[in-house]
Amino acid sequence: YIPINYEKQAGMWFTYMEYRDMLYNKTESEFTESIKNRLAQAAETGINTVYVHVRAYNDCCYESDIFPCAEYYNGNYDALEITLNEAHKLGLSVHAWLNPLRCQTDEQMKTLDTNFQIKKWYNDSKKNGTYIVKLEDRWYLNPAYNEVREYIASGAAEIVRNYDVDGIHIDDYFYPTTEAYFDSIAFNASSYSSLSQFRLDNCSRMVGDMYKAVKSHNPTALFGVSAQGNVTNNETQLYADVEKWSKEDGYVDYMAPQI
């Protein structure tokens, strides 16, 4: 597949909330009509690129062997395939938007099928609290571990391998807390003296792995990040080294700062 991409993106986000409303309890024909109208509205306003939120909480609105279906998506039809077909008819570029670290609530995790990797880590006393960490009532992946980053990268690769997407997109959700407890075991076992640098490097490895995963399946598909517009906040609160990613090869094709 040769992606549709533009030198200058005039882009807009379709959040999971908007996608959810089009999908929940909707038939294939109802969803198709909704997404056709929404995409047509975008094209009419001069938009050429849409970032479609297909995985917000370690769940998915597409066919996957890695992630469970989102609760508002019954999986009886392929929503992403329909979205891509309708968007491409209009000359719109579609970047599949993912949240790599944010996972299910504790209640949702309890009901997941044991075939999913995330549930295996949840049930594993050595991985529960290290590979995945609970913050308030929600679980998050910890990018300090190679196996976790491989899991995240494989999710990006699966989409590019199975769908004619024009790119993969992630937003500004990186480390969910600055508290040291989140990854203290991994940090204490590392050679780092600075927790901040440890986390910055972990996020850079994760982003680099996702970039490589995308390019390995389609070198001309794009990988981009819509980080916060405040560079200092990215680096000190979220541990996203946006300056590094922007300056060095192997991380992103574009940055779309949220200003």
C-alpha atoms as a PDB file:
ATOM      1  CA  TYR A   1       0.000   0.000   0.000  1.00  0.00           C
ATOM      2  CA  ILE A   2       1.253   3.479  -0.921  1.00  0.00           C
ATOM      3  CA  PRO A   3      -0.047   5.847   1.780  1.00  0.00           C
ATOM      4  CA  ILE A   4      -1.882   9.083   1.114  1.00  0.00           C
ATOM      5  CA  ASN A   5       0.083  11.715   2.998  1.00  0.00           C
ATOM      6  CA  TYR A   6       0.519  15.433   2.623  1.00  0.00           C
ATOM      7  CA  GLU A   7       3.555  17.654   3.026  1.00  0.00           C
ATOM      8  CA  LYS A   8       1.354  20.011   5.025  1.00  0.00           C
ATOM      9  CA  GLN A   9      -1.159  18.217   7.234  1.00  0.00           C
ATOM     10  CA  ALA A  10      -4.422  19.993   7.881  1.00  0.00           C
ATOM     11  CA  GLY A  11      -5.459  17.512  10.522  1.00  0.00           C
ATOM     12  CA  MET A  12      -8.161  16.815  13.047  1.00  0.00           C
ATOM     13  CA  TRP A  13      -8.648  14.214  15.753  1.00  0.00           C
ATOM     14  CA  PHE A  14     -11.567  11.801  15.997  1.00  0.00           C
ATOM     15  CA  THR A  15     -11.485  11.034  19.723  1.00  0.00           C
ATOM     16  CA  TYR A  16     -12.585   7.683  21.076  1.00  0.00           C
ATOM     17  CA  MET A  17     -15.617   9.440  22.595  1.00  0.00           C
ATOM     18  CA  GLU A  18     -16.769  10.468  19.120  1.00  0.00           C
ATOM     19  CA  TYR A  19     -15.943   7.055  17.678  1.00  0.00           C
ATOM     20  CA  ARG A  20     -17.740   5.380  20.596  1.00  0.00           C
ATOM     21  CA  ASP A  21     -20.921   7.301  19.878  1.00  0.00           C
ATOM     22  CA  MET A  22     -20.835   6.203  16.251  1.00  0.00           C
ATOM     23  CA  LEU A  23     -20.159   2.560  17.161  1.00  0.00           C
ATOM     24  CA  TYR A  24     -22.132   1.748  20.302  1.00  0.00           C
ATOM     25  CA  ASN A  25     -25.103  -0.508  19.484  1.00  0.00           C
ATOM     26  CA  LYS A  26     -24.861   0.541  15.842  1.00  0.00           C
ATOM     27  CA  THR A  27     -25.192  -1.771  12.856  1.00  0.00           C
ATOM     28  CA  GLU A  28     -22.616  -1.822  10.094  1.00  0.00           C
ATOM     29  CA  SER A  29     -24.825   0.297   7.829  1.00  0.00           C
ATOM     30  CA  GLU A  30     -25.505   2.813  10.620  1.00  0.00           C
ATOM     31  CA  PHE A  31     -21.812   3.155  11.413  1.00  0.00           C
ATOM     32  CA  THR A  32     -20.908   3.438   7.725  1.00  0.00           C
ATOM     33  CA  GLU A  33     -23.407   6.258   7.219  1.00  0.00           C
ATOM     34  CA  SER A  34     -22.159   8.091  10.325  1.00  0.00           C
ATOM     35  CA  ILE A  35     -18.484   7.879   9.432  1.00  0.00           C
ATOM     36  CA  LYS A  36     -19.184   8.840   5.796  1.00  0.00           C
ATOM     37  CA  ASN A  37     -20.950  12.005   6.947  1.00  0.00           C
ATOM     38  CA  ARG A  38     -18.266  12.854   9.500  1.00  0.00           C
ATOM     39  CA  LEU A  39     -15.432  12.400   7.008  1.00  0.00           C
ATOM     40  CA  ALA A  40     -17.291  14.410   4.364  1.00  0.00           C
ATOM     41  CA  GLN A  41     -17.680  17.267   6.845  1.00  0.00           C
ATOM     42  CA  ALA A  42     -13.940  17.147   7.522  1.00  0.00           C
ATOM     43  CA  ALA A  43     -13.041  17.181   3.843  1.00  0.00           C
ATOM     44  CA  GLU A  44     -15.437  20.055   3.155  1.00  0.00           C
ATOM     45  CA  THR A  45     -13.682  22.232   5.742  1.00  0.00           C
ATOM     46  CA  GLY A  46     -10.274  21.685   4.146  1.00  0.00           C
ATOM     47  CA  ILE A  47      -9.034  18.879   6.371  1.00  0.00           C
ATOM     48  CA  ASN A  48      -6.727  16.420   4.598  1.00  0.00           C
ATOM     49  CA  THR A  49      -5.644  14.185   7.520  1.00  0.00           C
ATOM     50  CA  VAL A  50      -7.656  12.527  10.291  1.00  0.00           C
ATOM     51  CA  TYR A  51      -6.224  10.920  13.413  1.00  0.00           C
ATOM     52  CA  VAL A  52      -8.744   8.234  14.317  1.00  0.00           C
ATOM     53  CA  HIS A  53      -8.669   7.024  17.926  1.00  0.00           C
ATOM     54  CA  VAL A  54      -8.719   3.256  17.437  1.00  0.00           C
ATOM     55  CA  ARG A  55      -7.091   2.222  20.733  1.00  0.00           C
ATOM     56  CA  ALA A  56      -7.572   4.376  23.819  1.00  0.00           C
ATOM     57  CA  TYR A  57      -7.316   1.933  26.750  1.00  0.00           C
ATOM     58  CA  ASN A  58      -5.438  -1.181  25.594  1.00  0.00           C
ATOM     59  CA  ASP A  59      -8.631  -2.077  23.734  1.00  0.00           C
ATOM     60  CA  CYS A  60      -9.407  -1.728  20.060  1.00  0.00           C
ATOM     61  CA  CYS A  61     -11.933  -0.765  17.407  1.00  0.00           C
ATOM     62  CA  TYR A  62     -10.411  -3.039  14.767  1.00  0.00           C
ATOM     63  CA  GLU A  63      -9.591  -6.716  14.313  1.00  0.00           C
ATOM     64  CA  SER A  64      -6.724  -7.681  16.598  1.00  0.00           C
ATOM     65  CA  ASP A  65      -5.077 -10.798  17.959  1.00  0.00           C
ATOM     66  CA  ILE A  66      -3.347  -8.729  20.652  1.00  0.00           C
ATOM     67  CA  PHE A  67      -5.997  -6.488  22.228  1.00  0.00           C
ATOM     68  CA  PRO A  68      -9.590  -7.033  23.373  1.00  0.00           C
ATOM     69  CA  CYS A  69     -12.425  -5.164  21.676  1.00  0.00           C
ATOM     70  CA  ALA A  70     -13.467  -1.896  23.235  1.00  0.00           C
ATOM     71  CA  GLU A  71     -16.626  -2.298  25.298  1.00  0.00           C
ATOM     72  CA  TYR A  72     -18.566  -0.033  22.930  1.00  0.00           C
ATOM     73  CA  TYR A  73     -17.531  -2.024  19.844  1.00  0.00           C
ATOM     74  CA  ASN A  74     -19.090  -5.430  19.203  1.00  0.00           C
ATOM     75  CA  GLY A  75     -16.570  -6.443  16.544  1.00  0.00           C
ATOM     76  CA  ASN A  76     -19.246  -7.781  14.164  1.00  0.00           C
ATOM     77  CA  TYR A  77     -17.880  -5.547  11.417  1.00  0.00           C
ATOM     78  CA  ASP A  78     -14.488  -3.988  10.811  1.00  0.00           C
ATOM     79  CA  ALA A  79     -14.885  -0.314  11.725  1.00  0.00           C
ATOM     80  CA  LEU A  80     -11.328   0.634  10.800  1.00  0.00           C
ATOM     81  CA  GLU A  81     -11.579  -0.977   7.364  1.00  0.00           C
ATOM     82  CA  ILE A  82     -14.806   0.920   6.706  1.00  0.00           C
ATOM     83  CA  THR A  83     -13.261   4.178   7.924  1.00  0.00           C
ATOM     84  CA  LEU A  84     -10.228   3.732   5.704  1.00  0.00           C
ATOM     85  CA  ASN A  85     -12.317   2.919   2.630  1.00  0.00           C
ATOM     86  CA  GLU A  86     -14.572   5.935   3.077  1.00  0.00           C
ATOM     87  CA  ALA A  87     -11.713   8.308   3.919  1.00  0.00           C
ATOM     88  CA  HIS A  88      -9.582   7.251   0.982  1.00  0.00           C
ATOM     89  CA  LYS A  89     -12.500   7.820  -1.404  1.00  0.00           C
ATOM     90  CA  LEU A  90     -12.313  11.466  -0.299  1.00  0.00           C
ATOM     91  CA  GLY A  91      -8.533  11.650  -0.554  1.00  0.00           C
ATOM     92  CA  LEU A  92      -8.190  11.853   3.233  1.00  0.00           C
ATOM     93  CA  SER A  93      -5.122  10.487   4.983  1.00  0.00           C
ATOM     94  CA  VAL A  94      -5.908   8.318   8.017  1.00  0.00           C
ATOM     95  CA  HIS A  95      -3.498   7.910  10.917  1.00  0.00           C
ATOM     96  CA  ALA A  96      -4.510   5.297  13.483  1.00  0.00           C
ATOM     97  CA  TRP A  97      -4.277   6.992  16.881  1.00  0.00           C
ATOM     98  CA  LEU A  98      -3.161   4.861  19.831  1.00  0.00           C
ATOM     99  CA  ASN A  99      -2.531   5.378  23.535  1.00  0.00           C
ATOM    100  CA  PRO A 100       0.401   3.048  24.189  1.00  0.00           C
ATOM    101  CA  LEU A 101       0.559   2.982  28.015  1.00  0.00           C
ATOM    102  CA  ARG A 102      -2.984   3.540  29.287  1.00  0.00           C
ATOM    103  CA  CYS A 103      -4.905   0.319  30.005  1.00  0.00           C
ATOM    104  CA  GLN A 104      -8.165  -0.919  31.486  1.00  0.00           C
ATOM    105  CA  THR A 105      -9.685  -0.148  34.860  1.00  0.00           C
ATOM    106  CA  ASP A 106      -9.250  -2.730  37.588  1.00  0.00           C
ATOM    107  CA  GLU A 107     -12.854  -3.908  37.167  1.00  0.00           C
ATOM    108  CA  GLN A 108     -12.369  -4.336  33.423  1.00  0.00           C
ATOM    109  CA  MET A 109      -9.078  -6.156  33.920  1.00  0.00           C
ATOM    110  CA  LYS A 110     -10.765  -8.747  36.128  1.00  0.00           C
ATOM    111  CA  THR A 111     -13.164  -9.728  33.350  1.00  0.00           C
ATOM    112  CA  LEU A 112     -10.643  -9.944  30.495  1.00  0.00           C
ATOM    113  CA  ASP A 113     -10.028 -13.271  28.799  1.00  0.00           C
ATOM    114  CA  THR A 114      -6.831 -14.968  29.989  1.00  0.00           C
ATOM    115  CA  ASN A 115      -5.650 -15.342  26.387  1.00  0.00           C
ATOM    116  CA  PHE A 116      -4.692 -11.661  26.274  1.00  0.00           C
ATOM    117  CA  GLN A 117      -1.127 -10.778  27.231  1.00  0.00           C
ATOM    118  CA  ILE A 118      -2.241  -7.959  29.495  1.00  0.00           C
ATOM    119  CA  LYS A 119      -4.374 -10.385  31.544  1.00  0.00           C
ATOM    120  CA  LYS A 120      -1.446 -12.810  31.818  1.00  0.00           C
ATOM    121  CA  TRP A 121       0.664 -10.015  33.303  1.00  0.00           C
ATOM    122  CA  TYR A 122      -2.218  -9.060  35.583  1.00  0.00           C
ATOM    123  CA  ASN A 123      -2.373 -12.632  36.906  1.00  0.00           C
ATOM    124  CA  ASP A 124       1.413 -12.950  37.266  1.00  0.00           C
ATOM    125  CA  SER A 125       2.628 -11.878  40.706  1.00  0.00           C
ATOM    126  CA  LYS A 126       6.017 -10.892  39.249  1.00  0.00           C
ATOM    127  CA  LYS A 127       4.571  -8.797  36.406  1.00  0.00           C
ATOM    128  CA  ASN A 128       1.657  -7.279  38.332  1.00  0.00           C
ATOM    129  CA  GLY A 129       3.137  -4.125  39.837  1.00  0.00           C
ATOM    130  CA  THR A 130       6.152  -4.096  37.512  1.00  0.00           C
ATOM    131  CA  TYR A 131       5.145  -4.623  33.859  1.00  0.00           C
ATOM    132  CA  ILE A 132       1.721  -3.165  34.618  1.00  0.00           C
ATOM    133  CA  VAL A 133       1.127  -0.721  37.461  1.00  0.00           C
ATOM    134  CA  LYS A 134      -2.124   0.419  39.034  1.00  0.00           C
ATOM    135  CA  LEU A 135      -2.628   4.149  39.468  1.00  0.00           C
ATOM    136  CA  GLU A 136      -5.866   4.969  41.263  1.00  0.00           C
ATOM    137  CA  ASP A 137      -8.362   2.653  39.527  1.00  0.00           C
ATOM    138  CA  ARG A 138      -6.575   2.296  36.174  1.00  0.00           C
ATOM    139  CA  TRP A 139      -3.683   0.145  35.001  1.00  0.00           C
ATOM    140  CA  TYR A 140      -0.735   1.396  32.954  1.00  0.00           C
ATOM    141  CA  LEU A 141       2.059  -0.319  31.088  1.00  0.00           C
ATOM    142  CA  ASN A 142       5.566   0.389  32.347  1.00  0.00           C
ATOM    143  CA  PRO A 143       7.929   1.127  29.420  1.00  0.00           C
ATOM    144  CA  ALA A 144      11.002   0.285  31.512  1.00  0.00           C
ATOM    145  CA  TYR A 145      10.886  -3.342  30.351  1.00  0.00           C
ATOM    146  CA  ASN A 146      11.909  -4.689  26.954  1.00  0.00           C
ATOM    147  CA  GLU A 147       8.975  -7.105  26.850  1.00  0.00           C
ATOM    148  CA  VAL A 148       6.497  -4.295  27.466  1.00  0.00           C
ATOM    149  CA  ARG A 149       7.983  -2.135  24.729  1.00  0.00           C
ATOM    150  CA  GLU A 150       7.897  -5.124  22.352  1.00  0.00           C
ATOM    151  CA  TYR A 151       4.204  -5.573  23.181  1.00  0.00           C
ATOM    152  CA  ILE A 152       3.532  -1.907  22.401  1.00  0.00           C
ATOM    153  CA  ALA A 153       5.520  -2.014  19.160  1.00  0.00           C
ATOM    154  CA  SER A 154       3.772  -5.211  18.059  1.00  0.00           C
ATOM    155  CA  GLY A 155       0.438  -3.424  18.430  1.00  0.00           C
ATOM    156  CA  ALA A 156       1.540  -0.689  16.028  1.00  0.00           C
ATOM    157  CA  ALA A 157       2.973  -3.268  13.622  1.00  0.00           C
ATOM    158  CA  GLU A 158      -0.262  -5.276  13.612  1.00  0.00           C
ATOM    159  CA  ILE A 159      -2.250  -2.300  12.339  1.00  0.00           C
ATOM    160  CA  VAL A 160       0.215  -1.366   9.593  1.00  0.00           C
ATOM    161  CA  ARG A 161       0.493  -5.017   8.537  1.00  0.00           C
ATOM    162  CA  ASN A 162      -3.259  -5.631   8.357  1.00  0.00           C
ATOM    163  CA  TYR A 163      -4.677  -2.299   7.244  1.00  0.00           C
ATOM    164  CA  ASP A 164      -4.018   0.353   4.592  1.00  0.00           C
ATOM    165  CA  VAL A 165      -3.384   3.060   7.172  1.00  0.00           C
ATOM    166  CA  ASP A 166      -1.403   6.114   6.166  1.00  0.00           C
ATOM    167  CA  GLY A 167       0.257   6.446   9.540  1.00  0.00           C
ATOM    168  CA  ILE A 168       0.318   5.680  13.249  1.00  0.00           C
ATOM    169  CA  HIS A 169      -0.227   8.473  15.758  1.00  0.00           C
ATOM    170  CA  ILE A 170       0.216   8.771  19.527  1.00  0.00           C
ATOM    171  CA  ASP A 171      -0.675  11.745  21.685  1.00  0.00           C
ATOM    172  CA  ASP A 172       0.673  13.208  24.942  1.00  0.00           C
ATOM    173  CA  TYR A 173      -0.104  10.362  27.359  1.00  0.00           C
ATOM    174  CA  PHE A 174       3.291   9.037  28.446  1.00  0.00           C
ATOM    175  CA  TYR A 175       4.213   8.438  32.107  1.00  0.00           C
ATOM    176  CA  PRO A 176       0.997   8.929  34.088  1.00  0.00           C
ATOM    177  CA  THR A 177       2.725  10.169  37.267  1.00  0.00           C
ATOM    178  CA  THR A 178       5.922  11.707  38.580  1.00  0.00           C
ATOM    179  CA  GLU A 179       5.722   9.576  41.735  1.00  0.00           C
ATOM    180  CA  ALA A 180       8.771   7.341  42.227  1.00  0.00           C
ATOM    181  CA  TYR A 181       6.788   4.247  43.246  1.00  0.00           C
ATOM    182  CA  PHE A 182       5.504   3.705  39.714  1.00  0.00           C
ATOM    183  CA  ASP A 183       8.719   2.090  38.454  1.00  0.00           C
ATOM    184  CA  SER A 184      10.912   1.918  41.553  1.00  0.00           C
ATOM    185  CA  ILE A 185      11.756  -1.773  41.103  1.00  0.00           C
ATOM    186  CA  ALA A 186      12.950  -1.290  37.530  1.00  0.00           C
ATOM    187  CA  PHE A 187      14.812   1.916  38.377  1.00  0.00           C
ATOM    188  CA  ASN A 188      16.576   0.378  41.404  1.00  0.00           C
ATOM    189  CA  ALA A 189      17.680  -2.546  39.235  1.00  0.00           C
ATOM    190  CA  SER A 190      19.052  -0.220  36.555  1.00  0.00           C
ATOM    191  CA  SER A 191      22.410   1.540  36.266  1.00  0.00           C
ATOM    192  CA  TYR A 192      20.758   4.972  36.275  1.00  0.00           C
ATOM    193  CA  SER A 193      21.254   7.509  39.037  1.00  0.00           C
ATOM    194  CA  SER A 194      18.590   9.888  37.697  1.00  0.00           C
ATOM    195  CA  LEU A 195      14.959   8.739  37.676  1.00  0.00           C
ATOM    196  CA  SER A 196      14.093  11.507  35.233  1.00  0.00           C
ATOM    197  CA  GLN A 197      16.708  10.395  32.698  1.00  0.00           C
ATOM    198  CA  PHE A 198      15.693   6.765  33.202  1.00  0.00           C
ATOM    199  CA  ARG A 199      12.128   7.611  32.263  1.00  0.00           C
ATOM    200  CA  LEU A 200      13.083   9.890  29.379  1.00  0.00           C
ATOM    201  CA  ASP A 201      15.193   7.111  27.882  1.00  0.00           C
ATOM    202  CA  ASN A 202      12.442   4.526  28.388  1.00  0.00           C
ATOM    203  CA  CYS A 203       9.949   6.684  26.496  1.00  0.00           C
ATOM    204  CA  SER A 204      12.499   7.302  23.758  1.00  0.00           C
ATOM    205  CA  ARG A 205      13.070   3.559  23.403  1.00  0.00           C
ATOM    206  CA  MET A 206       9.326   2.994  23.223  1.00  0.00           C
ATOM    207  CA  VAL A 207       8.817   5.677  20.575  1.00  0.00           C
ATOM    208  CA  GLY A 208      11.825   4.430  18.611  1.00  0.00           C
ATOM    209  CA  ASP A 209      10.523   0.868  18.730  1.00  0.00           C
ATOM    210  CA  MET A 210       7.116   1.974  17.462  1.00  0.00           C
ATOM    211  CA  TYR A 211       8.750   3.953  14.654  1.00  0.00           C
ATOM    212  CA  LYS A 212      10.783   0.904  13.601  1.00  0.00           C
ATOM    213  CA  ALA A 213       7.699  -1.330  13.781  1.00  0.00           C
ATOM    214  CA  VAL A 214       5.759   0.969  11.468  1.00  0.00           C
ATOM    215  CA  LYS A 215       8.618   1.332   8.987  1.00  0.00           C
ATOM    216  CA  SER A 216       9.355  -2.398   8.943  1.00  0.00           C
ATOM    217  CA  HIS A 217       5.887  -3.062   7.513  1.00  0.00           C
ATOM    218  CA  ASN A 218       5.484   0.046   5.374  1.00  0.00           C
ATOM    219  CA  PRO A 219       8.487   2.384   5.022  1.00  0.00           C
ATOM    220  CA  THR A 220       6.320   5.140   3.544  1.00  0.00           C
ATOM    221  CA  ALA A 221       3.687   5.148   6.300  1.00  0.00           C
ATOM    222  CA  LEU A 222       4.184   7.977   8.788  1.00  0.00           C
ATOM    223  CA  PHE A 223       4.648   7.875  12.544  1.00  0.00           C
ATOM    224  CA  GLY A 224       3.858  10.998  14.523  1.00  0.00           C
ATOM    225  CA  VAL A 225       3.313  12.372  18.011  1.00  0.00           C
ATOM    226  CA  SER A 226       1.005  15.131  19.196  1.00  0.00           C
ATOM    227  CA  ALA A 227       2.905  16.026  22.342  1.00  0.00           C
ATOM    228  CA  GLN A 228       2.016  18.919  24.610  1.00  0.00           C
ATOM    229  CA  GLY A 229       3.095  22.307  23.298  1.00  0.00           C
ATOM    230  CA  ASN A 230       5.087  23.016  26.462  1.00  0.00           C
ATOM    231  CA  VAL A 231       8.478  21.378  25.935  1.00  0.00           C
ATOM    232  CA  THR A 232       9.502  21.648  29.594  1.00  0.00           C
ATOM    233  CA  ASN A 233       6.273  20.048  30.772  1.00  0.00           C
ATOM    234  CA  ASN A 234       6.777  17.165  28.341  1.00  0.00           C
ATOM    235  CA  GLU A 235      10.241  16.475  29.662  1.00  0.00           C
ATOM    236  CA  THR A 236       9.687  17.031  33.406  1.00  0.00           C
ATOM    237  CA  GLN A 237       6.115  15.774  33.899  1.00  0.00           C
ATOM    238  CA  LEU A 238       5.547  13.185  31.173  1.00  0.00           C
ATOM    239  CA  TYR A 239       9.199  12.233  30.465  1.00  0.00           C
ATOM    240  CA  ALA A 240       8.716  12.698  26.734  1.00  0.00           C
ATOM    241  CA  ASP A 241      11.989  13.862  25.183  1.00  0.00           C
ATOM    242  CA  VAL A 242      10.348  15.761  22.344  1.00  0.00           C
ATOM    243  CA  GLU A 243      13.496  17.732  21.524  1.00  0.00           C
ATOM    244  CA  LYS A 244      15.441  14.521  20.980  1.00  0.00           C
ATOM    245  CA  TRP A 245      12.701  13.007  18.847  1.00  0.00           C
ATOM    246  CA  SER A 246      12.487  16.143  16.718  1.00  0.00           C
ATOM    247  CA  LYS A 247      16.232  16.460  16.164  1.00  0.00           C
ATOM    248  CA  GLU A 248      17.373  12.864  15.746  1.00  0.00           C
ATOM    249  CA  ASP A 249      16.450  10.275  13.144  1.00  0.00           C
ATOM    250  CA  GLY A 250      14.527   7.140  14.056  1.00  0.00           C
ATOM    251  CA  TYR A 251      11.795   8.553  16.265  1.00  0.00           C
ATOM    252  CA  VAL A 252       9.109  10.505  14.399  1.00  0.00           C
ATOM    253  CA  ASP A 253       8.193  11.715  10.930  1.00  0.00           C
ATOM    254  CA  TYR A 254       6.240  14.648  12.331  1.00  0.00           C
ATOM    255  CA  MET A 255       5.377  16.409  15.580  1.00  0.00           C
ATOM    256  CA  ALA A 256       1.935  18.000  16.007  1.00  0.00           C
ATOM    257  CA  PRO A 257       2.240  19.967  19.267  1.00  0.00           C
ATOM    258  CA  GLN A 258      -0.967  20.535  21.204  1.00  0.00           C
ATOM    259  CA  ILE A 259      -0.953  24.283  21.775  1.00  0.00           C
END
